[in-house]
Amino acid sequence: MSAERAPEGAASDATETASGAVPKHIAIIMDGNGRWAARKGLPRVAGHREGAEAVRRTLKAAVKAGVECLTLYAFSSENWRRSEEEVTDLKGLMRFYLERELDEIAKEGVRLDFIGDPSAFGPELWKKLQAAREQTKDNDRLRLVVALNYGSRAEIAGAARRLAEEVQAGTRNLQDIDEASLDLALQSRGLPELDLLIRTSGEIRLSNFLLWQAAYAELLFVDTLWPDFGEEEFNAAIADFQGRQRRFGGR
């Protein structure tokens, strides 16, 4: 992760004004596809299709705004509880938009990456995801991180397990395990510090998303359903962020 993380035990007067600053790293919980479809009397997959269009609009807005990293919660580890039909539809949409949008994403200078365990979607889709990551690995205009089959508690537990294995193997001292070492063991290592986390649809919870990374992030909950989200809403979120004071534990 970035060295910009507020130091542990920061002084009480540690305050940063966000005014005028574009957040380097924005994460979004894309919620409301099903409710959007239900309100229009459409099947849930129609909401997911419109949600994919919202991803396109938001990605373009992020590039235009100069955001360095955009992390999207696309499929949680809990989403497997949904109907088999809906999961199949979601996998099909991922495959479709990968095939249709990848060249455009690459042309925009976007680097595509993933957190979670996308291999659970099966070898065919996982192979396409890996190929997309390889095709865009040298792009540096914006890093798009898609959370697929992701759960934050599992991520933190996995990081703790890796550190414990290193202690057991004698390659790390127990006394050396601190916040920084755990941070580097997470799947998000190497990403900029999370500045702003947005959730759409009016729900006010994190739903097991980036729990560690969101410790000092600004949180914004908006009523807009994800399929209706776009450049205007994205820019409004940035404006809200710019009006806040970031205290990092200060008064």
C-alpha atoms as a PDB file:
ATOM      1  CA  MET A   1       0.000   0.000   0.000  1.00  0.00           C
ATOM      2  CA  SER A   2       0.959   3.627  -0.342  1.00  0.00           C
ATOM      3  CA  ALA A   3       3.241   5.237   2.205  1.00  0.00           C
ATOM      4  CA  GLU A   4       0.597   7.950   2.551  1.00  0.00           C
ATOM      5  CA  ARG A   5      -1.220   5.983   5.272  1.00  0.00           C
ATOM      6  CA  ALA A   6      -1.613   8.019   8.450  1.00  0.00           C
ATOM      7  CA  PRO A   7       1.022   6.806  10.926  1.00  0.00           C
ATOM      8  CA  GLU A   8      -0.046   4.631  13.819  1.00  0.00           C
ATOM      9  CA  GLY A   9      -0.664   6.760  16.892  1.00  0.00           C
ATOM     10  CA  ALA A  10      -0.830   9.975  14.851  1.00  0.00           C
ATOM     11  CA  ALA A  11      -0.808  13.206  16.828  1.00  0.00           C
ATOM     12  CA  SER A  12      -4.186  14.612  17.837  1.00  0.00           C
ATOM     13  CA  ASP A  13      -3.760  17.652  15.590  1.00  0.00           C
ATOM     14  CA  ALA A  14      -3.212  15.560  12.460  1.00  0.00           C
ATOM     15  CA  THR A  15      -5.711  17.095  10.057  1.00  0.00           C
ATOM     16  CA  GLU A  16      -5.782  17.260   6.272  1.00  0.00           C
ATOM     17  CA  THR A  17      -8.170  19.467   4.364  1.00  0.00           C
ATOM     18  CA  ALA A  18      -9.463  17.658   1.287  1.00  0.00           C
ATOM     19  CA  SER A  19     -10.537  20.937  -0.344  1.00  0.00           C
ATOM     20  CA  GLY A  20      -9.612  20.944  -4.027  1.00  0.00           C
ATOM     21  CA  ALA A  21      -7.965  17.520  -3.862  1.00  0.00           C
ATOM     22  CA  VAL A  22      -9.133  14.704  -6.126  1.00  0.00           C
ATOM     23  CA  PRO A  23      -9.200  11.444  -4.169  1.00  0.00           C
ATOM     24  CA  LYS A  24      -6.480   9.127  -5.434  1.00  0.00           C
ATOM     25  CA  HIS A  25      -8.408   5.967  -4.648  1.00  0.00           C
ATOM     26  CA  ILE A  26     -12.197   5.638  -4.723  1.00  0.00           C
ATOM     27  CA  ALA A  27     -14.084   2.424  -3.968  1.00  0.00           C
ATOM     28  CA  ILE A  28     -17.753   1.843  -4.756  1.00  0.00           C
ATOM     29  CA  ILE A  29     -20.269  -0.669  -3.438  1.00  0.00           C
ATOM     30  CA  MET A  30     -22.497  -0.878  -6.510  1.00  0.00           C
ATOM     31  CA  ASP A  31     -25.891  -1.559  -4.935  1.00  0.00           C
ATOM     32  CA  GLY A  32     -29.448  -1.356  -6.244  1.00  0.00           C
ATOM     33  CA  ASN A  33     -29.541  -3.290  -9.515  1.00  0.00           C
ATOM     34  CA  GLY A  34     -32.320  -5.590  -8.337  1.00  0.00           C
ATOM     35  CA  ARG A  35     -34.461  -2.783  -6.916  1.00  0.00           C
ATOM     36  CA  TRP A  36     -33.998  -0.740 -10.101  1.00  0.00           C
ATOM     37  CA  ALA A  37     -35.302  -3.665 -12.152  1.00  0.00           C
ATOM     38  CA  ALA A  38     -38.170  -4.376  -9.748  1.00  0.00           C
ATOM     39  CA  ARG A  39     -39.375  -0.769  -9.872  1.00  0.00           C
ATOM     40  CA  LYS A  40     -39.552  -1.018 -13.648  1.00  0.00           C
ATOM     41  CA  GLY A  41     -41.187  -4.451 -13.669  1.00  0.00           C
ATOM     42  CA  LEU A  42     -38.108  -6.023 -15.279  1.00  0.00           C
ATOM     43  CA  PRO A  43     -36.150  -9.198 -14.453  1.00  0.00           C
ATOM     44  CA  ARG A  44     -33.125  -8.781 -12.181  1.00  0.00           C
ATOM     45  CA  VAL A  45     -30.715  -9.439 -15.043  1.00  0.00           C
ATOM     46  CA  ALA A  46     -31.972  -6.240 -16.695  1.00  0.00           C
ATOM     47  CA  GLY A  47     -30.815  -4.357 -13.622  1.00  0.00           C
ATOM     48  CA  HIS A  48     -27.408  -5.981 -13.853  1.00  0.00           C
ATOM     49  CA  ARG A  49     -27.151  -5.014 -17.533  1.00  0.00           C
ATOM     50  CA  GLU A  50     -27.935  -1.395 -16.703  1.00  0.00           C
ATOM     51  CA  GLY A  51     -25.488  -1.638 -13.807  1.00  0.00           C
ATOM     52  CA  ALA A  52     -22.776  -2.611 -16.288  1.00  0.00           C
ATOM     53  CA  GLU A  53     -23.580   0.534 -18.273  1.00  0.00           C
ATOM     54  CA  ALA A  54     -23.181   2.524 -15.055  1.00  0.00           C
ATOM     55  CA  VAL A  55     -19.724   0.989 -14.659  1.00  0.00           C
ATOM     56  CA  ARG A  56     -18.805   2.278 -18.108  1.00  0.00           C
ATOM     57  CA  ARG A  57     -20.019   5.811 -17.302  1.00  0.00           C
ATOM     58  CA  THR A  58     -18.282   5.836 -13.937  1.00  0.00           C
ATOM     59  CA  LEU A  59     -15.017   4.550 -15.350  1.00  0.00           C
ATOM     60  CA  LYS A  60     -14.955   7.328 -17.928  1.00  0.00           C
ATOM     61  CA  ALA A  61     -15.772   9.885 -15.235  1.00  0.00           C
ATOM     62  CA  ALA A  62     -12.925   8.595 -13.055  1.00  0.00           C
ATOM     63  CA  VAL A  63     -10.436   8.841 -15.923  1.00  0.00           C
ATOM     64  CA  LYS A  64     -11.644  12.342 -16.708  1.00  0.00           C
ATOM     65  CA  ALA A  65     -11.383  13.444 -13.065  1.00  0.00           C
ATOM     66  CA  GLY A  66      -7.825  12.185 -12.693  1.00  0.00           C
ATOM     67  CA  VAL A  67      -8.518   9.468 -10.118  1.00  0.00           C
ATOM     68  CA  GLU A  68      -5.586   7.052  -9.824  1.00  0.00           C
ATOM     69  CA  CYS A  69      -7.453   3.947  -8.662  1.00  0.00           C
ATOM     70  CA  LEU A  70     -11.091   2.840  -8.756  1.00  0.00           C
ATOM     71  CA  THR A  71     -12.134  -0.309  -6.888  1.00  0.00           C
ATOM     72  CA  LEU A  72     -15.575  -1.765  -7.633  1.00  0.00           C
ATOM     73  CA  TYR A  73     -17.395  -4.365  -5.532  1.00  0.00           C
ATOM     74  CA  ALA A  74     -18.762  -6.516  -8.341  1.00  0.00           C
ATOM     75  CA  PHE A  75     -19.409  -9.892  -6.679  1.00  0.00           C
ATOM     76  CA  SER A  76     -19.066 -10.682  -3.002  1.00  0.00           C
ATOM     77  CA  SER A  77     -18.272 -14.065  -1.521  1.00  0.00           C
ATOM     78  CA  GLU A  78     -21.828 -13.981  -0.119  1.00  0.00           C
ATOM     79  CA  ASN A  79     -23.411 -13.483  -3.562  1.00  0.00           C
ATOM     80  CA  TRP A  80     -23.172 -17.232  -4.188  1.00  0.00           C
ATOM     81  CA  ARG A  81     -26.311 -17.460  -2.033  1.00  0.00           C
ATOM     82  CA  ARG A  82     -28.313 -15.916  -4.867  1.00  0.00           C
ATOM     83  CA  SER A  83     -30.229 -18.117  -7.275  1.00  0.00           C
ATOM     84  CA  GLU A  84     -28.247 -20.230  -9.698  1.00  0.00           C
ATOM     85  CA  GLU A  85     -29.976 -18.419 -12.563  1.00  0.00           C
ATOM     86  CA  GLU A  86     -28.862 -14.994 -11.320  1.00  0.00           C
ATOM     87  CA  VAL A  87     -25.276 -16.124 -10.735  1.00  0.00           C
ATOM     88  CA  THR A  88     -25.191 -17.586 -14.258  1.00  0.00           C
ATOM     89  CA  ASP A  89     -26.527 -14.301 -15.645  1.00  0.00           C
ATOM     90  CA  LEU A  90     -23.853 -12.342 -13.788  1.00  0.00           C
ATOM     91  CA  LYS A  91     -21.093 -14.581 -15.104  1.00  0.00           C
ATOM     92  CA  GLY A  92     -22.466 -14.208 -18.610  1.00  0.00           C
ATOM     93  CA  LEU A  93     -22.496 -10.428 -18.281  1.00  0.00           C
ATOM     94  CA  MET A  94     -18.895 -10.429 -17.077  1.00  0.00           C
ATOM     95  CA  ARG A  95     -17.879 -12.483 -20.087  1.00  0.00           C
ATOM     96  CA  PHE A  96     -19.867 -10.282 -22.479  1.00  0.00           C
ATOM     97  CA  TYR A  97     -18.492  -6.984 -21.222  1.00  0.00           C
ATOM     98  CA  LEU A  98     -14.950  -8.308 -21.104  1.00  0.00           C
ATOM     99  CA  GLU A  99     -15.213  -9.196 -24.768  1.00  0.00           C
ATOM    100  CA  ARG A 100     -16.992  -5.969 -25.739  1.00  0.00           C
ATOM    101  CA  GLU A 101     -15.258  -3.387 -23.564  1.00  0.00           C
ATOM    102  CA  LEU A 102     -11.688  -4.594 -23.108  1.00  0.00           C
ATOM    103  CA  ASP A 103     -10.244  -2.837 -26.149  1.00  0.00           C
ATOM    104  CA  GLU A 104     -11.920   0.422 -25.147  1.00  0.00           C
ATOM    105  CA  ILE A 105     -10.640   0.080 -21.585  1.00  0.00           C
ATOM    106  CA  ALA A 106      -7.137  -0.516 -22.890  1.00  0.00           C
ATOM    107  CA  LYS A 107      -7.384   2.461 -25.241  1.00  0.00           C
ATOM    108  CA  GLU A 108      -8.344   4.697 -22.309  1.00  0.00           C
ATOM    109  CA  GLY A 109      -5.104   3.738 -20.552  1.00  0.00           C
ATOM    110  CA  VAL A 110      -6.851   1.709 -17.841  1.00  0.00           C
ATOM    111  CA  ARG A 111      -5.036  -1.093 -16.056  1.00  0.00           C
ATOM    112  CA  LEU A 112      -7.391  -3.871 -14.997  1.00  0.00           C
ATOM    113  CA  ASP A 113      -6.794  -5.912 -11.854  1.00  0.00           C
ATOM    114  CA  PHE A 114      -8.754  -8.073  -9.406  1.00  0.00           C
ATOM    115  CA  ILE A 115      -9.038  -8.853  -5.719  1.00  0.00           C
ATOM    116  CA  GLY A 116     -10.882 -11.804  -4.257  1.00  0.00           C
ATOM    117  CA  ASP A 117     -10.862 -15.256  -5.845  1.00  0.00           C
ATOM    118  CA  PRO A 118     -12.141 -14.971  -9.431  1.00  0.00           C
ATOM    119  CA  SER A 119     -10.944 -18.506 -10.195  1.00  0.00           C
ATOM    120  CA  ALA A 120     -14.157 -19.707  -8.528  1.00  0.00           C
ATOM    121  CA  PHE A 121     -16.082 -18.570 -11.625  1.00  0.00           C
ATOM    122  CA  GLY A 122     -14.612 -21.472 -13.600  1.00  0.00           C
ATOM    123  CA  PRO A 123     -11.563 -21.922 -15.830  1.00  0.00           C
ATOM    124  CA  GLU A 124     -13.033 -20.336 -18.984  1.00  0.00           C
ATOM    125  CA  LEU A 125     -13.978 -17.014 -17.389  1.00  0.00           C
ATOM    126  CA  TRP A 126     -10.890 -16.980 -15.176  1.00  0.00           C
ATOM    127  CA  LYS A 127      -8.706 -17.397 -18.252  1.00  0.00           C
ATOM    128  CA  LYS A 128     -10.419 -14.389 -19.886  1.00  0.00           C
ATOM    129  CA  LEU A 129      -9.932 -12.315 -16.743  1.00  0.00           C
ATOM    130  CA  GLN A 130      -6.254 -13.205 -16.579  1.00  0.00           C
ATOM    131  CA  ALA A 131      -5.823 -12.350 -20.275  1.00  0.00           C
ATOM    132  CA  ALA A 132      -7.506  -8.975 -19.714  1.00  0.00           C
ATOM    133  CA  ARG A 133      -5.184  -8.216 -16.830  1.00  0.00           C
ATOM    134  CA  GLU A 134      -2.169  -9.166 -18.927  1.00  0.00           C
ATOM    135  CA  GLN A 135      -3.321  -7.046 -21.884  1.00  0.00           C
ATOM    136  CA  THR A 136      -3.651  -3.910 -19.749  1.00  0.00           C
ATOM    137  CA  LYS A 137      -0.765  -4.380 -17.298  1.00  0.00           C
ATOM    138  CA  ASP A 138       1.365  -1.555 -18.735  1.00  0.00           C
ATOM    139  CA  ASN A 139      -1.412   1.058 -18.721  1.00  0.00           C
ATOM    140  CA  ASP A 140      -0.995   3.810 -16.156  1.00  0.00           C
ATOM    141  CA  ARG A 141      -3.819   6.333 -16.563  1.00  0.00           C
ATOM    142  CA  LEU A 142      -6.129   4.650 -14.061  1.00  0.00           C
ATOM    143  CA  ARG A 143      -6.069   1.357 -12.198  1.00  0.00           C
ATOM    144  CA  LEU A 144      -9.428  -0.409 -12.170  1.00  0.00           C
ATOM    145  CA  VAL A 145      -9.636  -3.060  -9.459  1.00  0.00           C
ATOM    146  CA  VAL A 146     -12.675  -5.329  -9.600  1.00  0.00           C
ATOM    147  CA  ALA A 147     -13.562  -7.258  -6.441  1.00  0.00           C
ATOM    148  CA  LEU A 148     -14.811 -10.677  -7.553  1.00  0.00           C
ATOM    149  CA  ASN A 149     -15.771 -13.405  -5.099  1.00  0.00           C
ATOM    150  CA  TYR A 150     -14.355 -11.065  -2.477  1.00  0.00           C
ATOM    151  CA  GLY A 151     -14.913 -10.840   1.262  1.00  0.00           C
ATOM    152  CA  SER A 152     -12.898  -8.551   3.508  1.00  0.00           C
ATOM    153  CA  ARG A 153     -12.933 -10.799   6.564  1.00  0.00           C
ATOM    154  CA  ALA A 154     -11.557 -13.663   4.471  1.00  0.00           C
ATOM    155  CA  GLU A 155      -8.904 -11.330   3.066  1.00  0.00           C
ATOM    156  CA  ILE A 156      -7.779 -10.268   6.554  1.00  0.00           C
ATOM    157  CA  ALA A 157      -7.814 -13.866   7.805  1.00  0.00           C
ATOM    158  CA  GLY A 158      -5.728 -14.927   4.795  1.00  0.00           C
ATOM    159  CA  ALA A 159      -3.194 -12.181   5.488  1.00  0.00           C
ATOM    160  CA  ALA A 160      -2.930 -13.239   9.138  1.00  0.00           C
ATOM    161  CA  ARG A 161      -2.492 -16.853   8.057  1.00  0.00           C
ATOM    162  CA  ARG A 162       0.353 -15.940   5.678  1.00  0.00           C
ATOM    163  CA  LEU A 163       2.151 -14.015   8.407  1.00  0.00           C
ATOM    164  CA  ALA A 164       1.699 -16.925  10.837  1.00  0.00           C
ATOM    165  CA  GLU A 165       3.155 -19.319   8.259  1.00  0.00           C
ATOM    166  CA  GLU A 166       6.196 -17.067   7.892  1.00  0.00           C
ATOM    167  CA  VAL A 167       6.699 -17.077  11.676  1.00  0.00           C
ATOM    168  CA  GLN A 168       6.339 -20.858  11.716  1.00  0.00           C
ATOM    169  CA  ALA A 169       8.882 -21.169   8.898  1.00  0.00           C
ATOM    170  CA  GLY A 170      11.311 -18.922  10.747  1.00  0.00           C
ATOM    171  CA  THR A 171      11.353 -16.212   8.064  1.00  0.00           C
ATOM    172  CA  ARG A 172       9.606 -13.628  10.263  1.00  0.00           C
ATOM    173  CA  ASN A 173       9.801 -12.778  13.949  1.00  0.00           C
ATOM    174  CA  LEU A 174       6.530 -12.670  15.835  1.00  0.00           C
ATOM    175  CA  GLN A 175       7.517  -9.316  17.369  1.00  0.00           C
ATOM    176  CA  ASP A 176       7.855  -7.796  13.884  1.00  0.00           C
ATOM    177  CA  ILE A 177       4.199  -8.273  12.978  1.00  0.00           C
ATOM    178  CA  ASP A 178       2.519  -4.883  13.005  1.00  0.00           C
ATOM    179  CA  GLU A 179      -0.070  -2.938  11.014  1.00  0.00           C
ATOM    180  CA  ALA A 180       2.366  -2.315   8.170  1.00  0.00           C
ATOM    181  CA  SER A 181       3.226  -6.003   7.742  1.00  0.00           C
ATOM    182  CA  LEU A 182      -0.437  -7.024   7.784  1.00  0.00           C
ATOM    183  CA  ASP A 183      -1.194  -4.260   5.284  1.00  0.00           C
ATOM    184  CA  LEU A 184       1.420  -5.685   2.922  1.00  0.00           C
ATOM    185  CA  ALA A 185      -0.040  -9.189   3.266  1.00  0.00           C
ATOM    186  CA  LEU A 186      -3.466  -8.064   2.036  1.00  0.00           C
ATOM    187  CA  GLN A 187      -4.668  -8.492  -1.538  1.00  0.00           C
ATOM    188  CA  SER A 188      -4.788  -4.694  -1.865  1.00  0.00           C
ATOM    189  CA  ARG A 189      -1.048  -4.255  -1.342  1.00  0.00           C
ATOM    190  CA  GLY A 190       0.401  -1.813  -3.815  1.00  0.00           C
ATOM    191  CA  LEU A 191      -2.805   0.177  -4.211  1.00  0.00           C
ATOM    192  CA  PRO A 192      -3.025   3.826  -3.135  1.00  0.00           C
ATOM    193  CA  GLU A 193      -4.507   4.522   0.274  1.00  0.00           C
ATOM    194  CA  LEU A 194      -8.307   4.407   0.105  1.00  0.00           C
ATOM    195  CA  ASP A 195      -9.629   7.969   0.252  1.00  0.00           C
ATOM    196  CA  LEU A 196     -13.346   7.664  -0.460  1.00  0.00           C
ATOM    197  CA  LEU A 197     -15.804   4.768  -0.247  1.00  0.00           C
ATOM    198  CA  ILE A 198     -19.230   5.244  -1.856  1.00  0.00           C
ATOM    199  CA  ARG A 199     -22.287   3.029  -1.493  1.00  0.00           C
ATOM    200  CA  THR A 200     -25.320   3.530  -3.682  1.00  0.00           C
ATOM    201  CA  SER A 201     -29.028   2.690  -3.123  1.00  0.00           C
ATOM    202  CA  GLY A 202     -29.405   4.231   0.338  1.00  0.00           C
ATOM    203  CA  GLU A 203     -28.058   1.272   2.323  1.00  0.00           C
ATOM    204  CA  ILE A 204     -25.735   2.345   5.155  1.00  0.00           C
ATOM    205  CA  ARG A 205     -23.305  -0.512   5.746  1.00  0.00           C
ATOM    206  CA  LEU A 206     -19.999  -1.815   4.346  1.00  0.00           C
ATOM    207  CA  SER A 207     -21.136  -5.391   3.670  1.00  0.00           C
ATOM    208  CA  ASN A 208     -17.737  -6.981   4.263  1.00  0.00           C
ATOM    209  CA  PHE A 209     -15.962  -4.701   1.752  1.00  0.00           C
ATOM    210  CA  LEU A 210     -12.472  -3.262   2.356  1.00  0.00           C
ATOM    211  CA  LEU A 211     -12.923  -3.224   6.132  1.00  0.00           C
ATOM    212  CA  TRP A 212      -9.211  -2.759   6.861  1.00  0.00           C
ATOM    213  CA  GLN A 213      -8.599  -0.338   3.997  1.00  0.00           C
ATOM    214  CA  ALA A 214     -11.579   1.863   4.956  1.00  0.00           C
ATOM    215  CA  ALA A 215     -10.246   2.626   8.451  1.00  0.00           C
ATOM    216  CA  TYR A 216      -9.611   6.296   7.609  1.00  0.00           C
ATOM    217  CA  ALA A 217     -11.486   6.584   4.328  1.00  0.00           C
ATOM    218  CA  GLU A 218     -14.298   9.095   3.938  1.00  0.00           C
ATOM    219  CA  LEU A 219     -17.635   7.271   3.639  1.00  0.00           C
ATOM    220  CA  LEU A 220     -20.479   8.468   1.446  1.00  0.00           C
ATOM    221  CA  PHE A 221     -23.896   6.793   1.223  1.00  0.00           C
ATOM    222  CA  VAL A 222     -26.157   8.002  -1.580  1.00  0.00           C
ATOM    223  CA  ASP A 223     -29.760   7.137  -2.410  1.00  0.00           C
ATOM    224  CA  THR A 224     -29.142   6.752  -6.154  1.00  0.00           C
ATOM    225  CA  LEU A 225     -29.611   3.180  -7.383  1.00  0.00           C
ATOM    226  CA  TRP A 226     -26.487   1.935  -9.129  1.00  0.00           C
ATOM    227  CA  PRO A 227     -27.979   1.724 -12.676  1.00  0.00           C
ATOM    228  CA  ASP A 228     -28.774   5.465 -12.416  1.00  0.00           C
ATOM    229  CA  PHE A 229     -25.249   6.391 -11.307  1.00  0.00           C
ATOM    230  CA  GLY A 230     -23.004   8.268 -13.726  1.00  0.00           C
ATOM    231  CA  GLU A 231     -20.648  11.191 -14.220  1.00  0.00           C
ATOM    232  CA  GLU A 232     -22.871  13.727 -12.446  1.00  0.00           C
ATOM    233  CA  GLU A 233     -23.205  11.558  -9.338  1.00  0.00           C
ATOM    234  CA  PHE A 234     -19.500  10.655  -9.414  1.00  0.00           C
ATOM    235  CA  ASN A 235     -18.444  14.298  -9.601  1.00  0.00           C
ATOM    236  CA  ALA A 236     -20.888  15.175  -6.806  1.00  0.00           C
ATOM    237  CA  ALA A 237     -19.203  12.538  -4.628  1.00  0.00           C
ATOM    238  CA  ILE A 238     -15.796  14.058  -5.324  1.00  0.00           C
ATOM    239  CA  ALA A 239     -17.170  17.515  -4.480  1.00  0.00           C
ATOM    240  CA  ASP A 240     -18.505  16.155  -1.183  1.00  0.00           C
ATOM    241  CA  PHE A 241     -15.082  14.665  -0.428  1.00  0.00           C
ATOM    242  CA  GLN A 242     -13.381  17.967  -1.210  1.00  0.00           C
ATOM    243  CA  GLY A 243     -15.543  19.735   1.361  1.00  0.00           C
ATOM    244  CA  ARG A 244     -14.476  17.490   4.238  1.00  0.00           C
ATOM    245  CA  GLN A 245     -11.608  17.684   6.721  1.00  0.00           C
ATOM    246  CA  ARG A 246      -9.659  14.475   7.082  1.00  0.00           C
ATOM    247  CA  ARG A 247      -8.571  14.134  10.697  1.00  0.00           C
ATOM    248  CA  PHE A 248      -6.959  10.661  10.851  1.00  0.00           C
ATOM    249  CA  GLY A 249      -7.813  10.325  14.532  1.00  0.00           C
ATOM    250  CA  GLY A 250      -7.299  13.998  15.379  1.00  0.00           C
ATOM    251  CA  ARG A 251      -9.854  16.237  17.047  1.00  0.00           C
END
